[in-house]
Amino acid sequence: MTETIYKCNKCDKTFYTRSGYRKHQKNHAEDDRNICADCGEAFEDQTTFHLHKEAHLKDKPWVCTVCKKRFRLQSHLAKHERTHTGQRPYICKECGKEFRRNAHLASHQRIHSGEKPYSCSHCNKSFSSRSNLILHQRIHTGDQPYACVICDRRFSSGSSCARHEKRHSGRKSFPCGGCGLDFSSCDSYTNHSCVLIS
């Protein structure tokens, strides 16, 4: 099986996922406002950019009635609509956890089976999901594709970046029911004395 690698045409960074490539392209958005959100391709002029966007509309006849996002296949639209409805039709027989997609259930079931089919080529450590392997490989490559929108500090995972950005906002989303204090991270909440006592 050949693995698709997406290469940035502006800085030569490479990505294993199309979504990672698209997110990265947004880093170059200040340089070029004519970047296609569907495929990440950049255009020098508005006319060519708009013609290109129209071609995508013809390729994607299925439209979400909630957010207007377009899809090539009706099955992709159905999967997407679950993000709005919250429907999770795929259920793990081991623990009862529910999933929106069958692929997510299959990945989850590896936790129960212990199967780790994805191995790191640098150190041979194995993982149950491809996404965890990609995240791990950034330790070896030093790749940090996620940047804080406020201070430009870089991170190897989107969740680390989001956690960092919360600190800038001062938003605290982990309230303690015992004493009423709010915490900005789950770790600080969990280590809080009220939680430790109970």
N, C-alpha and C. Protein backbone atom coordinates (compact mmCIF):
# COMPACT_ATOMS: atom_id res chain seq x y z
N MET A 1 0.84 -1.18 0.00
CA MET A 1 0.00 0.00 0.00
C MET A 1 0.89 1.24 0.00
N THR A 2 0.69 2.15 -0.94
CA THR A 2 1.46 3.37 -1.04
C THR A 2 0.83 4.43 -0.15
N GLU A 3 1.67 5.13 0.61
CA GLU A 3 1.17 6.15 1.51
C GLU A 3 1.25 7.51 0.82
N THR A 4 0.16 8.27 0.85
CA THR A 4 0.13 9.59 0.24
C THR A 4 0.77 10.57 1.19
N ILE A 5 1.68 11.38 0.66
CA ILE A 5 2.32 12.42 1.45
C ILE A 5 2.02 13.74 0.77
N TYR A 6 1.56 14.71 1.56
CA TYR A 6 1.22 16.03 1.06
C TYR A 6 2.38 16.97 1.34
N LYS A 7 2.87 17.64 0.29
CA LYS A 7 4.02 18.52 0.43
C LYS A 7 3.60 19.96 0.21
N CYS A 8 3.99 20.83 1.13
CA CYS A 8 3.68 22.26 1.03
C CYS A 8 4.52 22.86 -0.09
N ASN A 9 3.87 23.61 -0.98
CA ASN A 9 4.59 24.22 -2.10
C ASN A 9 5.26 25.54 -1.72
N LYS A 10 5.11 25.96 -0.47
CA LYS A 10 5.71 27.23 -0.03
C LYS A 10 6.94 27.02 0.85
N CYS A 11 6.93 25.95 1.66
CA CYS A 11 8.06 25.78 2.59
C CYS A 11 8.61 24.35 2.61
N ASP A 12 8.12 23.48 1.76
CA ASP A 12 8.61 22.11 1.62
C ASP A 12 8.35 21.19 2.82
N LYS A 13 7.46 21.58 3.75
CA LYS A 13 7.07 20.67 4.82
C LYS A 13 6.20 19.58 4.22
N THR A 14 6.23 18.39 4.82
CA THR A 14 5.41 17.29 4.33
C THR A 14 4.44 16.83 5.43
N PHE A 15 3.31 16.28 4.98
CA PHE A 15 2.26 15.86 5.91
C PHE A 15 1.70 14.52 5.46
N TYR A 16 1.33 13.68 6.45
CA TYR A 16 0.75 12.38 6.16
C TYR A 16 -0.75 12.47 5.95
N THR A 17 -1.37 13.54 6.46
CA THR A 17 -2.82 13.68 6.31
C THR A 17 -3.16 14.94 5.54
N ARG A 18 -4.24 14.87 4.78
CA ARG A 18 -4.69 16.02 4.01
C ARG A 18 -5.14 17.15 4.95
N SER A 19 -5.77 16.78 6.08
CA SER A 19 -6.24 17.79 7.02
C SER A 19 -5.05 18.53 7.64
N GLY A 20 -3.97 17.82 7.94
CA GLY A 20 -2.77 18.47 8.47
C GLY A 20 -2.17 19.43 7.46
N TYR A 21 -2.16 19.00 6.20
CA TYR A 21 -1.66 19.86 5.12
C TYR A 21 -2.50 21.12 5.00
N ARG A 22 -3.84 20.96 5.04
CA ARG A 22 -4.73 22.12 4.91
C ARG A 22 -4.54 23.10 6.06
N LYS A 23 -4.43 22.57 7.28
CA LYS A 23 -4.22 23.44 8.44
C LYS A 23 -2.91 24.20 8.29
N HIS A 24 -1.89 23.51 7.81
CA HIS A 24 -0.59 24.15 7.62
C HIS A 24 -0.68 25.26 6.57
N GLN A 25 -1.42 25.03 5.50
CA GLN A 25 -1.56 26.04 4.44
C GLN A 25 -2.11 27.35 5.00
N LYS A 26 -2.93 27.27 6.04
CA LYS A 26 -3.49 28.48 6.64
C LYS A 26 -2.39 29.35 7.26
N ASN A 27 -1.25 28.72 7.63
CA ASN A 27 -0.12 29.50 8.16
C ASN A 27 0.43 30.45 7.11
N HIS A 28 0.25 30.09 5.84
CA HIS A 28 0.75 30.92 4.75
C HIS A 28 -0.32 31.89 4.24
N ALA A 29 -1.48 31.90 4.88
CA ALA A 29 -2.62 32.69 4.39
C ALA A 29 -2.30 34.18 4.31
N GLU A 30 -1.42 34.67 5.21
CA GLU A 30 -1.10 36.10 5.14
C GLU A 30 -0.38 36.41 3.83
N ASP A 31 0.40 35.43 3.34
CA ASP A 31 1.16 35.64 2.11
C ASP A 31 0.24 35.62 0.89
N ASP A 32 -0.79 34.80 0.94
CA ASP A 32 -1.62 34.61 -0.25
C ASP A 32 -3.05 34.32 0.19
N ARG A 33 -3.96 35.25 -0.03
CA ARG A 33 -5.35 35.12 0.41
C ARG A 33 -6.16 34.17 -0.48
N ASN A 34 -5.65 33.78 -1.63
CA ASN A 34 -6.40 32.94 -2.57
C ASN A 34 -6.02 31.47 -2.41
N ILE A 35 -6.30 30.92 -1.24
CA ILE A 35 -6.01 29.51 -0.99
C ILE A 35 -7.32 28.75 -0.89
N CYS A 36 -7.43 27.68 -1.64
CA CYS A 36 -8.64 26.88 -1.65
C CYS A 36 -8.77 26.09 -0.35
N ALA A 37 -9.88 26.27 0.34
CA ALA A 37 -10.12 25.57 1.60
C ALA A 37 -10.37 24.07 1.38
N ASP A 38 -10.78 23.69 0.17
CA ASP A 38 -11.08 22.29 -0.12
C ASP A 38 -9.83 21.46 -0.38
N CYS A 39 -8.86 22.02 -1.11
CA CYS A 39 -7.70 21.22 -1.50
C CYS A 39 -6.37 21.85 -1.12
N GLY A 40 -6.38 23.08 -0.63
CA GLY A 40 -5.15 23.73 -0.20
C GLY A 40 -4.35 24.38 -1.31
N GLU A 41 -4.83 24.29 -2.55
CA GLU A 41 -4.11 24.88 -3.68
C GLU A 41 -4.17 26.40 -3.60
N ALA A 42 -3.05 27.06 -3.92
CA ALA A 42 -2.97 28.53 -3.86
C ALA A 42 -3.02 29.12 -5.27
N PHE A 43 -3.63 30.31 -5.38
CA PHE A 43 -3.78 30.98 -6.67
C PHE A 43 -3.30 32.42 -6.57
N GLU A 44 -2.69 32.91 -7.65
CA GLU A 44 -2.14 34.26 -7.64
C GLU A 44 -3.20 35.33 -7.89
N ASP A 45 -4.28 34.97 -8.59
CA ASP A 45 -5.30 35.99 -8.87
C ASP A 45 -6.69 35.50 -8.49
N GLN A 46 -7.58 36.44 -8.22
CA GLN A 46 -8.95 36.15 -7.78
C GLN A 46 -9.75 35.40 -8.84
N THR A 47 -9.59 35.75 -10.11
CA THR A 47 -10.38 35.14 -11.18
C THR A 47 -10.14 33.63 -11.24
N THR A 48 -8.88 33.24 -11.28
CA THR A 48 -8.54 31.82 -11.35
C THR A 48 -9.02 31.11 -10.08
N PHE A 49 -8.87 31.79 -8.95
CA PHE A 49 -9.29 31.22 -7.67
C PHE A 49 -10.80 30.94 -7.68
N HIS A 50 -11.61 31.90 -8.15
CA HIS A 50 -13.07 31.71 -8.17
C HIS A 50 -13.49 30.62 -9.16
N LEU A 51 -12.82 30.52 -10.30
CA LEU A 51 -13.11 29.45 -11.26
C LEU A 51 -12.81 28.09 -10.62
N HIS A 52 -11.71 28.03 -9.91
CA HIS A 52 -11.33 26.79 -9.23
C HIS A 52 -12.38 26.41 -8.19
N LYS A 53 -12.86 27.37 -7.40
CA LYS A 53 -13.88 27.10 -6.37
C LYS A 53 -15.17 26.59 -7.00
N GLU A 54 -15.56 27.15 -8.16
CA GLU A 54 -16.77 26.69 -8.84
C GLU A 54 -16.64 25.23 -9.26
N ALA A 55 -15.44 24.83 -9.67
CA ALA A 55 -15.21 23.43 -10.06
C ALA A 55 -15.46 22.51 -8.86
N HIS A 56 -15.04 22.93 -7.67
CA HIS A 56 -15.29 22.13 -6.47
C HIS A 56 -16.79 22.00 -6.19
N LEU A 57 -17.55 23.06 -6.43
CA LEU A 57 -18.99 23.02 -6.18
C LEU A 57 -19.66 21.98 -7.07
N LYS A 58 -19.20 21.87 -8.31
CA LYS A 58 -19.76 20.87 -9.23
C LYS A 58 -19.38 19.47 -8.78
N ASP A 59 -18.18 19.33 -8.20
CA ASP A 59 -17.70 18.03 -7.72
C ASP A 59 -18.44 17.58 -6.46
N LYS A 60 -19.07 18.53 -5.75
CA LYS A 60 -19.68 18.23 -4.46
C LYS A 60 -21.16 18.63 -4.44
N PRO A 61 -22.01 17.76 -4.96
CA PRO A 61 -23.43 18.12 -5.06
C PRO A 61 -24.22 17.98 -3.75
N TRP A 62 -23.67 17.27 -2.75
CA TRP A 62 -24.40 17.02 -1.51
C TRP A 62 -24.07 18.11 -0.49
N VAL A 63 -25.10 18.82 0.00
CA VAL A 63 -24.91 19.97 0.88
C VAL A 63 -25.55 19.73 2.25
N CYS A 64 -24.80 20.02 3.31
CA CYS A 64 -25.32 19.93 4.67
C CYS A 64 -26.31 21.07 4.88
N THR A 65 -27.50 20.74 5.35
CA THR A 65 -28.53 21.77 5.55
C THR A 65 -28.24 22.65 6.77
N VAL A 66 -27.35 22.19 7.66
CA VAL A 66 -27.04 22.96 8.87
C VAL A 66 -25.94 23.98 8.62
N CYS A 67 -24.78 23.53 8.07
CA CYS A 67 -23.63 24.42 7.94
C CYS A 67 -23.23 24.72 6.50
N LYS A 68 -23.93 24.13 5.54
CA LYS A 68 -23.72 24.36 4.10
C LYS A 68 -22.42 23.76 3.56
N LYS A 69 -21.72 22.95 4.34
CA LYS A 69 -20.53 22.27 3.85
C LYS A 69 -20.95 21.30 2.75
N ARG A 70 -20.12 21.15 1.72
CA ARG A 70 -20.46 20.33 0.56
C ARG A 70 -19.64 19.04 0.54
N PHE A 71 -20.24 17.98 -0.08
CA PHE A 71 -19.61 16.66 -0.12
C PHE A 71 -19.77 16.03 -1.49
N ARG A 72 -18.78 15.20 -1.86
CA ARG A 72 -18.82 14.49 -3.14
C ARG A 72 -19.82 13.34 -3.10
N LEU A 73 -19.89 12.66 -1.94
CA LEU A 73 -20.74 11.48 -1.83
C LEU A 73 -21.80 11.68 -0.75
N GLN A 74 -22.96 11.10 -0.97
CA GLN A 74 -24.04 11.20 0.01
C GLN A 74 -23.64 10.52 1.33
N SER A 75 -22.87 9.45 1.25
CA SER A 75 -22.43 8.76 2.47
C SER A 75 -21.53 9.66 3.32
N HIS A 76 -20.72 10.50 2.66
CA HIS A 76 -19.87 11.44 3.40
C HIS A 76 -20.73 12.50 4.09
N LEU A 77 -21.77 12.95 3.41
CA LEU A 77 -22.70 13.91 4.01
C LEU A 77 -23.36 13.29 5.25
N ALA A 78 -23.79 12.02 5.12
CA ALA A 78 -24.45 11.34 6.25
C ALA A 78 -23.53 11.25 7.45
N LYS A 79 -22.25 10.93 7.22
CA LYS A 79 -21.27 10.88 8.31
C LYS A 79 -21.11 12.26 8.94
N HIS A 80 -21.01 13.27 8.10
CA HIS A 80 -20.84 14.65 8.58
C HIS A 80 -22.04 15.10 9.41
N GLU A 81 -23.23 14.77 8.97
CA GLU A 81 -24.45 15.23 9.67
C GLU A 81 -24.50 14.73 11.11
N ARG A 82 -23.82 13.62 11.39
CA ARG A 82 -23.77 13.10 12.76
C ARG A 82 -23.06 14.07 13.70
N THR A 83 -22.19 14.93 13.16
CA THR A 83 -21.52 15.91 14.01
C THR A 83 -22.53 16.94 14.52
N HIS A 84 -23.59 17.17 13.77
CA HIS A 84 -24.63 18.11 14.18
C HIS A 84 -25.68 17.44 15.08
N THR A 85 -26.01 16.20 14.78
CA THR A 85 -27.08 15.52 15.52
C THR A 85 -26.57 14.85 16.80
N GLY A 86 -25.26 14.57 16.83
CA GLY A 86 -24.70 13.87 17.99
C GLY A 86 -24.93 12.37 17.94
N GLN A 87 -25.51 11.88 16.85
CA GLN A 87 -25.81 10.44 16.72
C GLN A 87 -24.50 9.64 16.71
N ARG A 88 -24.48 8.55 17.49
CA ARG A 88 -23.31 7.67 17.57
C ARG A 88 -23.80 6.22 17.43
N PRO A 89 -23.98 5.76 16.19
CA PRO A 89 -24.61 4.45 15.97
C PRO A 89 -23.68 3.24 16.15
N TYR A 90 -22.37 3.46 16.28
CA TYR A 90 -21.44 2.34 16.39
C TYR A 90 -21.04 2.16 17.85
N ILE A 91 -21.35 0.98 18.42
CA ILE A 91 -21.17 0.75 19.86
C ILE A 91 -20.20 -0.40 20.10
N CYS A 92 -19.24 -0.15 21.00
CA CYS A 92 -18.27 -1.17 21.37
C CYS A 92 -18.95 -2.23 22.24
N LYS A 93 -18.82 -3.50 21.85
CA LYS A 93 -19.46 -4.60 22.59
C LYS A 93 -18.73 -4.88 23.91
N GLU A 94 -17.48 -4.44 24.02
CA GLU A 94 -16.70 -4.68 25.24
C GLU A 94 -17.07 -3.71 26.36
N CYS A 95 -17.18 -2.41 26.02
CA CYS A 95 -17.36 -1.41 27.08
C CYS A 95 -18.57 -0.49 26.88
N GLY A 96 -19.24 -0.59 25.73
CA GLY A 96 -20.44 0.21 25.49
C GLY A 96 -20.19 1.62 24.98
N LYS A 97 -18.92 1.99 24.78
CA LYS A 97 -18.62 3.32 24.26
C LYS A 97 -19.18 3.46 22.84
N GLU A 98 -19.73 4.65 22.54
CA GLU A 98 -20.39 4.88 21.25
C GLU A 98 -19.54 5.78 20.35
N PHE A 99 -19.64 5.56 19.03
CA PHE A 99 -18.84 6.30 18.05
C PHE A 99 -19.69 6.74 16.88
N ARG A 100 -19.29 7.84 16.27
CA ARG A 100 -19.99 8.35 15.08
C ARG A 100 -19.60 7.57 13.83
N ARG A 101 -18.38 7.05 13.82
CA ARG A 101 -17.89 6.35 12.62
C ARG A 101 -17.42 4.94 12.98
N ASN A 102 -17.64 4.04 12.05
CA ASN A 102 -17.23 2.65 12.22
C ASN A 102 -15.71 2.54 12.34
N ALA A 103 -14.99 3.37 11.59
CA ALA A 103 -13.52 3.35 11.65
C ALA A 103 -13.02 3.73 13.04
N HIS A 104 -13.72 4.65 13.70
CA HIS A 104 -13.33 5.04 15.06
C HIS A 104 -13.58 3.90 16.04
N LEU A 105 -14.67 3.18 15.84
CA LEU A 105 -14.95 2.00 16.68
C LEU A 105 -13.86 0.96 16.49
N ALA A 106 -13.49 0.69 15.23
CA ALA A 106 -12.46 -0.32 14.93
C ALA A 106 -11.14 0.06 15.60
N SER A 107 -10.79 1.33 15.54
CA SER A 107 -9.56 1.81 16.19
C SER A 107 -9.66 1.64 17.71
N HIS A 108 -10.81 1.98 18.27
CA HIS A 108 -11.03 1.85 19.72
C HIS A 108 -10.91 0.40 20.17
N GLN A 109 -11.43 -0.53 19.38
CA GLN A 109 -11.43 -1.94 19.78
C GLN A 109 -10.02 -2.50 19.94
N ARG A 110 -9.04 -1.83 19.34
CA ARG A 110 -7.65 -2.28 19.50
C ARG A 110 -7.17 -2.09 20.95
N ILE A 111 -7.80 -1.18 21.67
CA ILE A 111 -7.48 -0.99 23.09
C ILE A 111 -7.79 -2.29 23.85
N HIS A 112 -8.93 -2.90 23.53
CA HIS A 112 -9.34 -4.14 24.20
C HIS A 112 -8.53 -5.34 23.74
N SER A 113 -8.20 -5.38 22.44
CA SER A 113 -7.48 -6.54 21.90
C SER A 113 -5.98 -6.45 22.13
N GLY A 114 -5.48 -5.23 22.36
CA GLY A 114 -4.03 -5.05 22.55
C GLY A 114 -3.28 -4.98 21.24
N GLU A 115 -3.99 -5.03 20.12
CA GLU A 115 -3.35 -4.98 18.81
C GLU A 115 -2.71 -3.61 18.58
N LYS A 116 -1.46 -3.62 18.09
CA LYS A 116 -0.74 -2.37 17.79
C LYS A 116 -0.07 -2.53 16.43
N PRO A 117 -0.83 -2.33 15.35
CA PRO A 117 -0.30 -2.60 14.01
C PRO A 117 0.59 -1.51 13.41
N TYR A 118 0.73 -0.37 14.09
CA TYR A 118 1.50 0.74 13.53
C TYR A 118 2.82 0.89 14.29
N SER A 119 3.95 0.66 13.58
CA SER A 119 5.27 0.70 14.21
C SER A 119 6.09 1.88 13.74
N CYS A 120 6.82 2.47 14.67
CA CYS A 120 7.70 3.60 14.36
C CYS A 120 8.94 3.07 13.65
N SER A 121 9.30 3.67 12.54
CA SER A 121 10.48 3.24 11.78
C SER A 121 11.78 3.68 12.45
N HIS A 122 11.69 4.61 13.40
CA HIS A 122 12.89 5.10 14.09
C HIS A 122 13.25 4.24 15.30
N CYS A 123 12.24 3.82 16.08
CA CYS A 123 12.54 3.11 17.33
C CYS A 123 11.75 1.82 17.52
N ASN A 124 10.93 1.46 16.55
CA ASN A 124 10.11 0.24 16.57
C ASN A 124 9.03 0.20 17.64
N LYS A 125 8.75 1.31 18.29
CA LYS A 125 7.63 1.36 19.24
C LYS A 125 6.34 1.20 18.43
N SER A 126 5.36 0.48 18.99
CA SER A 126 4.12 0.19 18.27
C SER A 126 2.94 0.94 18.87
N PHE A 127 1.94 1.21 18.00
CA PHE A 127 0.77 1.99 18.40
C PHE A 127 -0.50 1.36 17.84
N SER A 128 -1.60 1.60 18.54
CA SER A 128 -2.89 1.03 18.11
C SER A 128 -3.55 1.87 17.03
N SER A 129 -3.12 3.13 16.87
CA SER A 129 -3.71 3.97 15.82
C SER A 129 -2.63 4.69 15.02
N ARG A 130 -2.93 4.94 13.77
CA ARG A 130 -1.99 5.64 12.89
C ARG A 130 -1.75 7.07 13.38
N SER A 131 -2.81 7.71 13.90
CA SER A 131 -2.65 9.09 14.38
C SER A 131 -1.69 9.17 15.56
N ASN A 132 -1.72 8.16 16.46
CA ASN A 132 -0.77 8.14 17.58
C ASN A 132 0.66 7.90 17.09
N LEU A 133 0.81 7.09 16.04
CA LEU A 133 2.13 6.88 15.45
C LEU A 133 2.67 8.20 14.88
N ILE A 134 1.84 8.91 14.13
CA ILE A 134 2.26 10.18 13.52
C ILE A 134 2.67 11.17 14.61
N LEU A 135 1.87 11.24 15.66
CA LEU A 135 2.18 12.13 16.78
C LEU A 135 3.52 11.74 17.42
N HIS A 136 3.73 10.44 17.63
CA HIS A 136 4.98 9.95 18.21
C HIS A 136 6.18 10.27 17.31
N GLN A 137 6.03 10.10 16.00
CA GLN A 137 7.15 10.32 15.09
C GLN A 137 7.65 11.77 15.12
N ARG A 138 6.80 12.68 15.56
CA ARG A 138 7.23 14.08 15.67
C ARG A 138 8.29 14.25 16.75
N ILE A 139 8.39 13.31 17.69
CA ILE A 139 9.47 13.33 18.69
C ILE A 139 10.81 13.19 17.95
N HIS A 140 10.83 12.30 16.97
CA HIS A 140 12.06 12.04 16.22
C HIS A 140 12.36 13.14 15.20
N THR A 141 11.32 13.63 14.54
CA THR A 141 11.52 14.61 13.46
C THR A 141 11.59 16.05 13.96
N GLY A 142 11.02 16.29 15.15
CA GLY A 142 10.97 17.65 15.68
C GLY A 142 9.89 18.50 15.02
N ASP A 143 9.04 17.88 14.21
CA ASP A 143 7.98 18.61 13.52
C ASP A 143 6.96 19.14 14.52
N GLN A 144 6.67 20.43 14.42
CA GLN A 144 5.67 21.07 15.28
C GLN A 144 4.73 21.89 14.38
N PRO A 145 3.74 21.23 13.77
CA PRO A 145 2.90 21.89 12.77
C PRO A 145 1.83 22.83 13.33
N TYR A 146 1.63 22.84 14.64
CA TYR A 146 0.57 23.67 15.24
C TYR A 146 1.19 24.88 15.92
N ALA A 147 0.69 26.08 15.56
CA ALA A 147 1.22 27.32 16.12
C ALA A 147 0.14 28.06 16.90
N CYS A 148 0.51 28.59 18.05
CA CYS A 148 -0.40 29.42 18.85
C CYS A 148 -0.69 30.69 18.05
N VAL A 149 -1.96 31.02 17.94
CA VAL A 149 -2.35 32.20 17.15
C VAL A 149 -1.97 33.50 17.86
N ILE A 150 -1.63 33.42 19.14
CA ILE A 150 -1.32 34.62 19.90
C ILE A 150 0.19 34.87 19.98
N CYS A 151 0.96 33.84 20.35
CA CYS A 151 2.40 34.06 20.56
C CYS A 151 3.30 33.29 19.58
N ASP A 152 2.72 32.53 18.66
CA ASP A 152 3.47 31.76 17.66
C ASP A 152 4.29 30.59 18.22
N ARG A 153 4.13 30.26 19.50
CA ARG A 153 4.80 29.08 20.04
C ARG A 153 4.27 27.86 19.29
N ARG A 154 5.14 26.90 19.00
CA ARG A 154 4.78 25.76 18.17
C ARG A 154 4.62 24.50 19.01
N PHE A 155 3.74 23.60 18.51
CA PHE A 155 3.42 22.36 19.22
C PHE A 155 3.33 21.21 18.24
N SER A 156 3.57 20.00 18.76
CA SER A 156 3.50 18.80 17.92
C SER A 156 2.08 18.26 17.80
N SER A 157 1.18 18.68 18.70
CA SER A 157 -0.21 18.21 18.61
C SER A 157 -1.18 19.37 18.72
N GLY A 158 -2.32 19.22 18.08
CA GLY A 158 -3.35 20.25 18.12
C GLY A 158 -3.92 20.42 19.52
N SER A 159 -4.02 19.32 20.28
CA SER A 159 -4.57 19.43 21.63
C SER A 159 -3.62 20.20 22.55
N SER A 160 -2.31 20.01 22.39
CA SER A 160 -1.34 20.77 23.20
C SER A 160 -1.42 22.25 22.88
N CYS A 161 -1.58 22.56 21.60
CA CYS A 161 -1.70 23.96 21.18
C CYS A 161 -2.97 24.59 21.75
N ALA A 162 -4.08 23.86 21.67
CA ALA A 162 -5.36 24.37 22.19
C ALA A 162 -5.28 24.60 23.69
N ARG A 163 -4.64 23.66 24.42
CA ARG A 163 -4.48 23.79 25.86
C ARG A 163 -3.64 25.03 26.18
N HIS A 164 -2.58 25.25 25.41
CA HIS A 164 -1.73 26.43 25.59
C HIS A 164 -2.52 27.72 25.32
N GLU A 165 -3.30 27.74 24.24
CA GLU A 165 -4.07 28.94 23.87
C GLU A 165 -5.08 29.32 24.94
N LYS A 166 -5.61 28.31 25.66
CA LYS A 166 -6.55 28.59 26.76
C LYS A 166 -5.89 29.44 27.84
N ARG A 167 -4.60 29.24 28.05
CA ARG A 167 -3.89 30.02 29.07
C ARG A 167 -3.87 31.50 28.72
N HIS A 168 -3.78 31.81 27.42
CA HIS A 168 -3.81 33.22 27.00
C HIS A 168 -5.16 33.84 27.28
N SER A 169 -6.21 33.07 27.08
CA SER A 169 -7.57 33.61 27.22
C SER A 169 -7.96 33.79 28.69
N GLY A 170 -7.30 33.06 29.57
CA GLY A 170 -7.66 33.11 30.99
C GLY A 170 -8.92 32.32 31.29
N ARG A 171 -9.47 31.65 30.25
CA ARG A 171 -10.70 30.88 30.41
C ARG A 171 -10.41 29.63 31.24
N LYS A 172 -11.25 29.38 32.22
CA LYS A 172 -11.09 28.22 33.09
C LYS A 172 -12.34 27.37 32.98
N SER A 173 -12.18 26.15 32.48
CA SER A 173 -13.36 25.34 32.19
C SER A 173 -13.47 24.08 33.04
N PHE A 174 -12.74 24.02 34.17
CA PHE A 174 -12.84 22.86 35.05
C PHE A 174 -13.20 23.35 36.46
N PRO A 175 -14.50 23.53 36.75
CA PRO A 175 -14.90 24.03 38.08
C PRO A 175 -14.94 22.90 39.11
N CYS A 176 -14.56 23.22 40.33
CA CYS A 176 -14.62 22.25 41.43
C CYS A 176 -15.98 22.41 42.12
N GLY A 177 -16.71 21.32 42.22
CA GLY A 177 -18.01 21.36 42.88
C GLY A 177 -17.90 21.49 44.39
N GLY A 178 -16.73 21.14 44.94
CA GLY A 178 -16.54 21.19 46.37
C GLY A 178 -16.31 22.59 46.91
N CYS A 179 -15.41 23.35 46.26
CA CYS A 179 -15.05 24.67 46.80
C CYS A 179 -15.36 25.82 45.86
N GLY A 180 -15.73 25.50 44.61
CA GLY A 180 -16.10 26.56 43.67
C GLY A 180 -14.95 27.14 42.87
N LEU A 181 -13.71 26.68 43.11
CA LEU A 181 -12.57 27.18 42.32
C LEU A 181 -12.66 26.66 40.89
N ASP A 182 -12.16 27.46 39.94
CA ASP A 182 -12.10 27.06 38.54
C ASP A 182 -10.66 26.77 38.15
N PHE A 183 -10.46 25.76 37.29
CA PHE A 183 -9.12 25.39 36.84
C PHE A 183 -9.07 25.40 35.32
N SER A 184 -7.89 25.77 34.79
CA SER A 184 -7.74 25.87 33.34
C SER A 184 -7.39 24.54 32.70
N SER A 185 -6.95 23.56 33.49
CA SER A 185 -6.62 22.26 32.91
C SER A 185 -7.20 21.14 33.76
N CYS A 186 -7.41 20.01 33.10
CA CYS A 186 -7.94 18.83 33.78
C CYS A 186 -6.93 18.35 34.83
N ASP A 187 -5.63 18.40 34.50
CA ASP A 187 -4.60 17.96 35.44
C ASP A 187 -4.64 18.77 36.73
N SER A 188 -4.71 20.10 36.62
CA SER A 188 -4.70 20.92 37.83
C SER A 188 -5.98 20.68 38.64
N TYR A 189 -7.10 20.43 37.96
CA TYR A 189 -8.34 20.11 38.68
C TYR A 189 -8.20 18.78 39.42
N THR A 190 -7.69 17.76 38.72
CA THR A 190 -7.57 16.42 39.30
C THR A 190 -6.63 16.42 40.51
N ASN A 191 -5.58 17.25 40.46
CA ASN A 191 -4.62 17.31 41.57
C ASN A 191 -5.07 18.26 42.69
N HIS A 192 -6.22 18.88 42.53
CA HIS A 192 -6.75 19.82 43.50
C HIS A 192 -7.12 19.07 44.79
N SER A 193 -6.91 19.71 45.94
CA SER A 193 -7.07 19.04 47.23
C SER A 193 -8.49 18.53 47.47
N CYS A 194 -9.53 19.28 47.04
CA CYS A 194 -10.92 18.81 47.26
C CYS A 194 -11.15 17.49 46.55
N VAL A 195 -10.61 17.34 45.34
CA VAL A 195 -10.80 16.12 44.56
C VAL A 195 -10.00 14.99 45.20
N LEU A 196 -8.78 15.30 45.66
CA LEU A 196 -7.94 14.28 46.26
C LEU A 196 -8.51 13.74 47.56
N ILE A 197 -9.20 14.61 48.33
CA ILE A 197 -9.79 14.19 49.61
C ILE A 197 -10.98 13.27 49.42
N SER A 198 -11.83 13.58 48.42
CA SER A 198 -13.06 12.81 48.24
C SER A 198 -12.85 11.44 47.64
